[in-house]
Amino acid sequence: MRQVIVFLFLVCSSICYTQTDSMFVEKMDGSIRGYPISIINGITFSKEEPVSVREEQMMQNVLSSFAVYQNYPNPFNPSTTIQYSIPATGDVTIDIYDVQGRAVRTLENAAQQAGDHSIVWDSRNNYGTRVSSGTYFCQILFNNTSLVKKLLLIK
């Protein structure tokens, strides 16, 4: 029982101290999507001037074209599948980070065709060693747009 309480405390405290460059929005259909803050900061929201049509179209194109879905299973042990969709051919980088922001593993760093893709993380770091239980983050970078998902490894 004590181990469970300590584990829950560590998970909760790690979530509270993590930082992200994404904003997560729950859509009307119940799905949750992450949007990079750098794109959202570029849109002007003020009472004096409305959002321009160009800015709104740009935002809709970026937000609707690139998606990262929640990994499954989550929590997982020892492996999990990460699915994502890209709108055009381009360079894709998929990295796993721990709660302190340290790079754990690079799963992909290559050009890919448009469409739906998936990749499996076997809970190993770049040296082939299994990582410890805890919270990890999967960052997928496509054409200067970054989306992040939280992964929970339980042993």
N, C-alpha and C. Protein backbone atom coordinates (compact mmCIF):
# COMPACT_ATOMS: atom_id res chain seq x y z
N MET A 1 0.83 -1.19 0.00
CA MET A 1 0.00 0.00 0.00
C MET A 1 0.87 1.25 0.00
N ARG A 2 1.93 1.21 0.79
CA ARG A 2 2.81 2.37 0.88
C ARG A 2 3.49 2.65 -0.46
N GLN A 3 3.86 1.58 -1.18
CA GLN A 3 4.48 1.75 -2.49
C GLN A 3 3.52 2.40 -3.47
N VAL A 4 2.24 2.03 -3.40
CA VAL A 4 1.24 2.62 -4.29
C VAL A 4 1.09 4.11 -4.00
N ILE A 5 1.07 4.50 -2.75
CA ILE A 5 0.93 5.91 -2.38
C ILE A 5 2.15 6.70 -2.84
N VAL A 6 3.33 6.14 -2.65
CA VAL A 6 4.55 6.81 -3.09
C VAL A 6 4.54 6.96 -4.61
N PHE A 7 4.15 5.90 -5.31
CA PHE A 7 4.08 5.96 -6.77
C PHE A 7 3.10 7.03 -7.23
N LEU A 8 1.91 7.07 -6.65
CA LEU A 8 0.92 8.09 -7.03
C LEU A 8 1.43 9.49 -6.74
N PHE A 9 2.11 9.66 -5.61
CA PHE A 9 2.68 10.97 -5.30
C PHE A 9 3.70 11.38 -6.36
N LEU A 10 4.57 10.45 -6.76
CA LEU A 10 5.57 10.76 -7.77
C LEU A 10 4.93 11.11 -9.11
N VAL A 11 3.92 10.36 -9.49
CA VAL A 11 3.23 10.65 -10.75
C VAL A 11 2.57 12.02 -10.70
N CYS A 12 1.84 12.30 -9.63
CA CYS A 12 1.15 13.59 -9.50
C CYS A 12 2.13 14.75 -9.45
N SER A 13 3.21 14.60 -8.70
CA SER A 13 4.16 15.69 -8.61
C SER A 13 4.89 15.90 -9.92
N SER A 14 5.15 14.84 -10.66
CA SER A 14 5.82 15.00 -11.96
C SER A 14 4.91 15.71 -12.95
N ILE A 15 3.63 15.44 -12.88
CA ILE A 15 2.68 16.11 -13.77
C ILE A 15 2.62 17.59 -13.44
N CYS A 16 2.64 17.93 -12.17
CA CYS A 16 2.55 19.33 -11.75
C CYS A 16 3.78 20.14 -12.15
N TYR A 17 4.94 19.51 -12.22
CA TYR A 17 6.16 20.24 -12.50
C TYR A 17 6.60 20.20 -13.96
N THR A 18 5.84 19.51 -14.81
CA THR A 18 6.23 19.45 -16.21
C THR A 18 5.79 20.70 -16.94
N GLN A 19 6.53 21.00 -17.99
CA GLN A 19 6.21 22.14 -18.83
C GLN A 19 5.95 21.64 -20.23
N THR A 20 5.13 22.35 -20.95
CA THR A 20 4.83 21.95 -22.31
C THR A 20 4.73 23.18 -23.19
N ASP A 21 4.97 22.99 -24.46
CA ASP A 21 4.80 24.09 -25.39
C ASP A 21 3.52 23.89 -26.19
N SER A 22 2.63 23.08 -25.65
CA SER A 22 1.37 22.80 -26.33
C SER A 22 0.19 23.13 -25.42
N MET A 23 -0.93 23.44 -26.05
CA MET A 23 -2.18 23.66 -25.33
C MET A 23 -3.10 22.50 -25.72
N PHE A 24 -3.73 21.88 -24.75
CA PHE A 24 -4.60 20.75 -25.02
C PHE A 24 -6.05 21.21 -24.93
N VAL A 25 -6.83 20.84 -25.96
CA VAL A 25 -8.21 21.28 -26.06
C VAL A 25 -9.10 20.06 -26.22
N GLU A 26 -10.16 20.00 -25.41
CA GLU A 26 -11.13 18.92 -25.57
C GLU A 26 -12.18 19.37 -26.56
N LYS A 27 -12.35 18.60 -27.63
CA LYS A 27 -13.29 18.95 -28.68
C LYS A 27 -14.69 18.47 -28.30
N MET A 28 -15.67 18.90 -29.08
CA MET A 28 -17.06 18.55 -28.80
C MET A 28 -17.30 17.03 -28.84
N ASP A 29 -16.54 16.30 -29.65
CA ASP A 29 -16.73 14.86 -29.74
C ASP A 29 -16.03 14.09 -28.61
N GLY A 30 -15.37 14.83 -27.69
CA GLY A 30 -14.71 14.21 -26.54
C GLY A 30 -13.24 13.92 -26.75
N SER A 31 -12.76 14.03 -27.98
CA SER A 31 -11.34 13.80 -28.22
C SER A 31 -10.53 15.01 -27.74
N ILE A 32 -9.27 14.77 -27.43
CA ILE A 32 -8.39 15.83 -26.94
C ILE A 32 -7.25 15.98 -27.94
N ARG A 33 -6.99 17.22 -28.35
CA ARG A 33 -5.90 17.51 -29.28
C ARG A 33 -4.96 18.52 -28.68
N GLY A 34 -3.69 18.38 -28.98
CA GLY A 34 -2.69 19.34 -28.53
C GLY A 34 -2.32 20.27 -29.66
N TYR A 35 -2.17 21.55 -29.34
CA TYR A 35 -1.81 22.55 -30.33
C TYR A 35 -0.58 23.30 -29.85
N PRO A 36 0.41 23.52 -30.73
CA PRO A 36 1.61 24.23 -30.31
C PRO A 36 1.31 25.68 -29.95
N ILE A 37 1.84 26.11 -28.83
CA ILE A 37 1.62 27.48 -28.35
C ILE A 37 2.18 28.49 -29.34
N SER A 38 3.27 28.15 -30.03
CA SER A 38 3.87 29.09 -30.98
C SER A 38 2.89 29.47 -32.08
N ILE A 39 2.04 28.56 -32.50
CA ILE A 39 1.05 28.86 -33.54
C ILE A 39 -0.09 29.68 -32.93
N ILE A 40 -0.52 29.30 -31.74
CA ILE A 40 -1.65 29.97 -31.11
C ILE A 40 -1.28 31.41 -30.74
N ASN A 41 -0.03 31.64 -30.32
CA ASN A 41 0.40 32.99 -29.96
C ASN A 41 0.35 33.95 -31.14
N GLY A 42 0.41 33.43 -32.36
CA GLY A 42 0.40 34.28 -33.54
C GLY A 42 -0.96 34.85 -33.89
N ILE A 43 -1.99 34.41 -33.24
CA ILE A 43 -3.35 34.90 -33.53
C ILE A 43 -3.70 36.01 -32.56
N THR A 44 -4.29 37.05 -33.09
CA THR A 44 -4.64 38.21 -32.28
C THR A 44 -6.09 38.09 -31.79
N PHE A 45 -6.27 38.17 -30.49
CA PHE A 45 -7.59 38.16 -29.89
C PHE A 45 -7.74 39.43 -29.06
N SER A 46 -8.43 40.40 -29.60
CA SER A 46 -8.64 41.63 -28.85
C SER A 46 -10.02 42.17 -29.15
N LYS A 47 -10.54 42.97 -28.25
CA LYS A 47 -11.87 43.55 -28.43
C LYS A 47 -11.87 44.62 -29.51
N GLU A 48 -10.72 45.29 -29.68
CA GLU A 48 -10.64 46.39 -30.64
C GLU A 48 -10.63 45.90 -32.08
N GLU A 49 -9.90 44.82 -32.35
CA GLU A 49 -9.82 44.34 -33.73
C GLU A 49 -10.10 42.85 -33.78
N PRO A 50 -10.95 42.43 -34.70
CA PRO A 50 -11.27 41.00 -34.79
C PRO A 50 -10.10 40.22 -35.40
N VAL A 51 -10.13 38.92 -35.23
CA VAL A 51 -9.12 38.06 -35.84
C VAL A 51 -9.30 38.13 -37.35
N SER A 52 -8.20 38.32 -38.07
CA SER A 52 -8.30 38.42 -39.52
C SER A 52 -8.69 37.07 -40.11
N VAL A 53 -9.30 37.11 -41.26
CA VAL A 53 -9.70 35.88 -41.95
C VAL A 53 -8.47 35.05 -42.27
N ARG A 54 -7.39 35.70 -42.70
CA ARG A 54 -6.15 34.98 -43.03
C ARG A 54 -5.61 34.24 -41.82
N GLU A 55 -5.55 34.90 -40.67
CA GLU A 55 -5.06 34.25 -39.45
C GLU A 55 -5.94 33.08 -39.06
N GLU A 56 -7.24 33.26 -39.17
CA GLU A 56 -8.16 32.19 -38.79
C GLU A 56 -8.01 31.00 -39.73
N GLN A 57 -7.87 31.24 -41.04
CA GLN A 57 -7.68 30.15 -42.00
C GLN A 57 -6.36 29.44 -41.75
N MET A 58 -5.31 30.22 -41.49
CA MET A 58 -4.01 29.63 -41.21
C MET A 58 -4.10 28.71 -39.99
N MET A 59 -4.75 29.18 -38.95
CA MET A 59 -4.88 28.41 -37.72
C MET A 59 -5.66 27.12 -37.97
N GLN A 60 -6.76 27.21 -38.69
CA GLN A 60 -7.58 26.03 -38.97
C GLN A 60 -6.81 25.01 -39.81
N ASN A 61 -6.02 25.48 -40.78
CA ASN A 61 -5.25 24.57 -41.62
C ASN A 61 -4.21 23.81 -40.80
N VAL A 62 -3.49 24.52 -39.95
CA VAL A 62 -2.46 23.88 -39.14
C VAL A 62 -3.08 22.91 -38.15
N LEU A 63 -4.14 23.33 -37.47
CA LEU A 63 -4.71 22.52 -36.41
C LEU A 63 -5.44 21.29 -36.93
N SER A 64 -5.98 21.35 -38.12
CA SER A 64 -6.76 20.22 -38.62
C SER A 64 -5.93 19.26 -39.45
N SER A 65 -4.68 19.60 -39.77
CA SER A 65 -3.93 18.79 -40.71
C SER A 65 -2.95 17.81 -40.08
N PHE A 66 -2.49 18.06 -38.89
CA PHE A 66 -1.47 17.23 -38.25
C PHE A 66 -2.03 16.77 -36.92
N ALA A 67 -2.05 15.45 -36.70
CA ALA A 67 -2.67 14.93 -35.47
C ALA A 67 -1.81 13.82 -34.87
N VAL A 68 -1.77 13.80 -33.55
CA VAL A 68 -1.14 12.71 -32.80
C VAL A 68 -2.21 12.16 -31.87
N TYR A 69 -2.42 10.87 -31.92
CA TYR A 69 -3.47 10.24 -31.13
C TYR A 69 -2.87 9.65 -29.86
N GLN A 70 -3.71 9.46 -28.86
CA GLN A 70 -3.23 8.90 -27.60
C GLN A 70 -2.69 7.50 -27.83
N ASN A 71 -1.55 7.22 -27.24
CA ASN A 71 -0.95 5.90 -27.38
C ASN A 71 -1.84 4.84 -26.76
N TYR A 72 -1.66 3.60 -27.20
CA TYR A 72 -2.40 2.49 -26.61
C TYR A 72 -1.49 1.28 -26.52
N PRO A 73 -1.55 0.50 -25.51
CA PRO A 73 -2.29 0.82 -24.28
C PRO A 73 -1.59 1.93 -23.50
N ASN A 74 -2.33 2.56 -22.63
CA ASN A 74 -1.77 3.59 -21.75
C ASN A 74 -2.56 3.56 -20.46
N PRO A 75 -2.00 3.20 -19.34
CA PRO A 75 -0.61 2.84 -19.07
C PRO A 75 -0.22 1.57 -19.83
N PHE A 76 1.11 1.39 -19.98
CA PHE A 76 1.60 0.27 -20.75
C PHE A 76 2.77 -0.42 -20.05
N ASN A 77 3.03 -1.66 -20.48
CA ASN A 77 4.17 -2.43 -20.05
C ASN A 77 4.25 -3.65 -20.95
N PRO A 78 5.25 -3.91 -21.69
CA PRO A 78 6.47 -3.15 -21.85
C PRO A 78 6.47 -2.24 -23.08
N SER A 79 5.44 -2.34 -23.95
CA SER A 79 5.47 -1.52 -25.16
C SER A 79 4.12 -0.84 -25.40
N THR A 80 4.16 0.21 -26.21
CA THR A 80 2.95 0.97 -26.54
C THR A 80 3.04 1.41 -28.00
N THR A 81 1.88 1.61 -28.62
CA THR A 81 1.79 2.04 -30.01
C THR A 81 1.37 3.50 -30.06
N ILE A 82 2.10 4.28 -30.86
CA ILE A 82 1.83 5.71 -31.02
C ILE A 82 1.37 5.92 -32.46
N GLN A 83 0.19 6.51 -32.63
CA GLN A 83 -0.35 6.75 -33.96
C GLN A 83 -0.39 8.25 -34.23
N TYR A 84 -0.15 8.61 -35.49
CA TYR A 84 -0.18 10.01 -35.88
C TYR A 84 -0.53 10.11 -37.36
N SER A 85 -0.94 11.30 -37.75
CA SER A 85 -1.34 11.56 -39.12
C SER A 85 -0.67 12.83 -39.60
N ILE A 86 -0.07 12.78 -40.80
CA ILE A 86 0.54 13.98 -41.37
C ILE A 86 -0.13 14.29 -42.72
N PRO A 87 -0.32 15.58 -43.03
CA PRO A 87 -1.08 15.96 -44.22
C PRO A 87 -0.29 15.93 -45.52
N ALA A 88 1.04 15.94 -45.45
CA ALA A 88 1.86 16.01 -46.65
C ALA A 88 3.18 15.30 -46.39
N THR A 89 3.91 15.02 -47.46
CA THR A 89 5.23 14.43 -47.31
C THR A 89 6.15 15.43 -46.60
N GLY A 90 6.91 14.95 -45.63
CA GLY A 90 7.80 15.84 -44.91
C GLY A 90 8.61 15.09 -43.87
N ASP A 91 9.51 15.82 -43.25
CA ASP A 91 10.37 15.24 -42.23
C ASP A 91 9.60 15.08 -40.92
N VAL A 92 9.73 13.91 -40.32
CA VAL A 92 9.07 13.59 -39.05
C VAL A 92 10.13 13.17 -38.05
N THR A 93 10.10 13.78 -36.87
CA THR A 93 10.98 13.39 -35.79
C THR A 93 10.12 13.00 -34.60
N ILE A 94 10.36 11.82 -34.05
CA ILE A 94 9.61 11.35 -32.89
C ILE A 94 10.60 11.08 -31.77
N ASP A 95 10.46 11.82 -30.68
CA ASP A 95 11.35 11.68 -29.53
C ASP A 95 10.56 11.39 -28.28
N ILE A 96 11.17 10.61 -27.38
CA ILE A 96 10.60 10.32 -26.07
C ILE A 96 11.44 11.07 -25.04
N TYR A 97 10.76 11.77 -24.10
CA TYR A 97 11.43 12.53 -23.04
C TYR A 97 10.90 12.06 -21.69
N ASP A 98 11.75 12.18 -20.66
CA ASP A 98 11.28 11.89 -19.30
C ASP A 98 10.67 13.16 -18.71
N VAL A 99 10.20 13.09 -17.47
CA VAL A 99 9.51 14.23 -16.86
C VAL A 99 10.43 15.41 -16.58
N GLN A 100 11.73 15.18 -16.61
CA GLN A 100 12.67 16.28 -16.40
C GLN A 100 13.12 16.88 -17.73
N GLY A 101 12.55 16.43 -18.83
CA GLY A 101 12.86 16.99 -20.13
C GLY A 101 14.09 16.41 -20.79
N ARG A 102 14.64 15.35 -20.23
CA ARG A 102 15.82 14.72 -20.82
C ARG A 102 15.40 13.78 -21.94
N ALA A 103 16.13 13.81 -23.05
CA ALA A 103 15.84 12.92 -24.16
C ALA A 103 16.12 11.48 -23.75
N VAL A 104 15.16 10.61 -23.99
CA VAL A 104 15.29 9.20 -23.64
C VAL A 104 15.57 8.38 -24.90
N ARG A 105 14.80 8.64 -25.95
CA ARG A 105 14.95 7.85 -27.18
C ARG A 105 14.41 8.61 -28.37
N THR A 106 15.08 8.47 -29.50
CA THR A 106 14.58 8.96 -30.77
C THR A 106 14.03 7.75 -31.51
N LEU A 107 12.72 7.76 -31.76
CA LEU A 107 12.07 6.63 -32.43
C LEU A 107 12.11 6.77 -33.95
N GLU A 108 12.08 8.00 -34.43
CA GLU A 108 12.02 8.24 -35.88
C GLU A 108 12.64 9.58 -36.19
N ASN A 109 13.35 9.65 -37.30
CA ASN A 109 13.91 10.91 -37.79
C ASN A 109 14.13 10.74 -39.29
N ALA A 110 13.04 10.84 -40.07
CA ALA A 110 13.11 10.57 -41.49
C ALA A 110 11.95 11.23 -42.22
N ALA A 111 12.08 11.32 -43.53
CA ALA A 111 10.98 11.83 -44.36
C ALA A 111 9.92 10.73 -44.47
N GLN A 112 8.64 11.16 -44.42
CA GLN A 112 7.54 10.21 -44.52
C GLN A 112 6.49 10.75 -45.48
N GLN A 113 5.75 9.84 -46.07
CA GLN A 113 4.65 10.19 -46.96
C GLN A 113 3.44 10.65 -46.15
N ALA A 114 2.58 11.43 -46.78
CA ALA A 114 1.33 11.86 -46.13
C ALA A 114 0.49 10.65 -45.77
N GLY A 115 -0.26 10.77 -44.68
CA GLY A 115 -1.16 9.69 -44.29
C GLY A 115 -1.05 9.34 -42.82
N ASP A 116 -1.68 8.22 -42.46
CA ASP A 116 -1.67 7.74 -41.09
C ASP A 116 -0.47 6.82 -40.88
N HIS A 117 0.16 6.97 -39.73
CA HIS A 117 1.35 6.18 -39.40
C HIS A 117 1.26 5.72 -37.95
N SER A 118 2.03 4.69 -37.62
CA SER A 118 2.14 4.26 -36.23
C SER A 118 3.55 3.74 -35.99
N ILE A 119 3.95 3.82 -34.73
CA ILE A 119 5.27 3.35 -34.34
C ILE A 119 5.16 2.77 -32.93
N VAL A 120 5.96 1.78 -32.62
CA VAL A 120 5.92 1.12 -31.31
C VAL A 120 7.15 1.53 -30.51
N TRP A 121 6.93 1.93 -29.26
CA TRP A 121 8.04 2.17 -28.33
C TRP A 121 8.09 1.01 -27.35
N ASP A 122 9.24 0.37 -27.28
CA ASP A 122 9.41 -0.83 -26.44
C ASP A 122 9.96 -0.51 -25.05
N SER A 123 9.83 0.73 -24.61
CA SER A 123 10.27 1.23 -23.30
C SER A 123 11.79 1.11 -23.10
N ARG A 124 12.53 1.19 -24.20
CA ARG A 124 13.99 1.18 -24.12
C ARG A 124 14.52 2.57 -24.48
N ASN A 125 15.69 2.90 -23.92
CA ASN A 125 16.32 4.17 -24.25
C ASN A 125 17.19 3.99 -25.50
N ASN A 126 17.94 5.02 -25.87
CA ASN A 126 18.79 4.96 -27.07
C ASN A 126 19.91 3.94 -26.95
N TYR A 127 20.21 3.48 -25.73
CA TYR A 127 21.28 2.50 -25.51
C TYR A 127 20.75 1.08 -25.42
N GLY A 128 19.44 0.90 -25.57
CA GLY A 128 18.84 -0.43 -25.53
C GLY A 128 18.45 -0.91 -24.16
N THR A 129 18.60 -0.06 -23.15
CA THR A 129 18.26 -0.43 -21.77
C THR A 129 16.81 -0.05 -21.49
N ARG A 130 16.09 -0.92 -20.81
CA ARG A 130 14.71 -0.60 -20.43
C ARG A 130 14.71 0.54 -19.42
N VAL A 131 13.79 1.48 -19.58
CA VAL A 131 13.69 2.61 -18.67
C VAL A 131 12.80 2.23 -17.49
N SER A 132 12.86 3.03 -16.45
CA SER A 132 12.08 2.74 -15.25
C SER A 132 10.63 3.18 -15.41
N SER A 133 9.79 2.72 -14.50
CA SER A 133 8.39 3.12 -14.49
C SER A 133 8.29 4.63 -14.32
N GLY A 134 7.27 5.21 -14.91
CA GLY A 134 7.08 6.64 -14.76
C GLY A 134 6.34 7.26 -15.92
N THR A 135 6.30 8.58 -15.90
CA THR A 135 5.64 9.35 -16.94
C THR A 135 6.67 9.78 -17.98
N TYR A 136 6.32 9.61 -19.23
CA TYR A 136 7.17 10.01 -20.34
C TYR A 136 6.34 10.82 -21.32
N PHE A 137 7.01 11.56 -22.17
CA PHE A 137 6.32 12.38 -23.15
C PHE A 137 6.83 12.04 -24.54
N CYS A 138 5.91 11.88 -25.46
CA CYS A 138 6.25 11.61 -26.85
C CYS A 138 6.02 12.90 -27.63
N GLN A 139 7.08 13.43 -28.23
CA GLN A 139 6.97 14.64 -29.03
C GLN A 139 7.16 14.27 -30.49
N ILE A 140 6.17 14.64 -31.31
CA ILE A 140 6.28 14.41 -32.74
C ILE A 140 6.38 15.76 -33.42
N LEU A 141 7.46 15.94 -34.18
CA LEU A 141 7.73 17.20 -34.86
C LEU A 141 7.56 16.99 -36.35
N PHE A 142 6.69 17.82 -36.96
CA PHE A 142 6.45 17.76 -38.40
C PHE A 142 6.37 19.18 -38.93
N ASN A 143 7.27 19.53 -39.86
CA ASN A 143 7.28 20.88 -40.47
C ASN A 143 7.17 22.00 -39.44
N ASN A 144 8.03 21.98 -38.45
CA ASN A 144 8.10 23.00 -37.39
C ASN A 144 6.86 23.06 -36.51
N THR A 145 6.03 22.04 -36.56
CA THR A 145 4.88 21.94 -35.66
C THR A 145 5.11 20.75 -34.75
N SER A 146 4.94 20.96 -33.46
CA SER A 146 5.23 19.94 -32.47
C SER A 146 3.96 19.60 -31.69
N LEU A 147 3.67 18.31 -31.56
CA LEU A 147 2.57 17.84 -30.73
C LEU A 147 3.14 16.86 -29.71
N VAL A 148 2.57 16.86 -28.51
CA VAL A 148 3.09 16.05 -27.41
C VAL A 148 1.97 15.23 -26.80
N LYS A 149 2.28 13.97 -26.46
CA LYS A 149 1.37 13.09 -25.73
C LYS A 149 2.08 12.53 -24.52
N LYS A 150 1.32 12.32 -23.45
CA LYS A 150 1.87 11.78 -22.22
C LYS A 150 1.71 10.26 -22.23
N LEU A 151 2.79 9.54 -21.86
CA LEU A 151 2.81 8.08 -21.82
C LEU A 151 3.11 7.65 -20.39
N LEU A 152 2.42 6.64 -19.91
CA LEU A 152 2.63 6.18 -18.54
C LEU A 152 3.08 4.73 -18.55
N LEU A 153 4.34 4.50 -18.15
CA LEU A 153 4.92 3.16 -18.09
C LEU A 153 4.82 2.65 -16.66
N ILE A 154 4.17 1.49 -16.50
CA ILE A 154 4.02 0.87 -15.18
C ILE A 154 4.58 -0.53 -15.26
N LYS A 155 5.49 -0.85 -14.34
CA LYS A 155 6.08 -2.20 -14.30
C LYS A 155 5.52 -2.97 -13.14
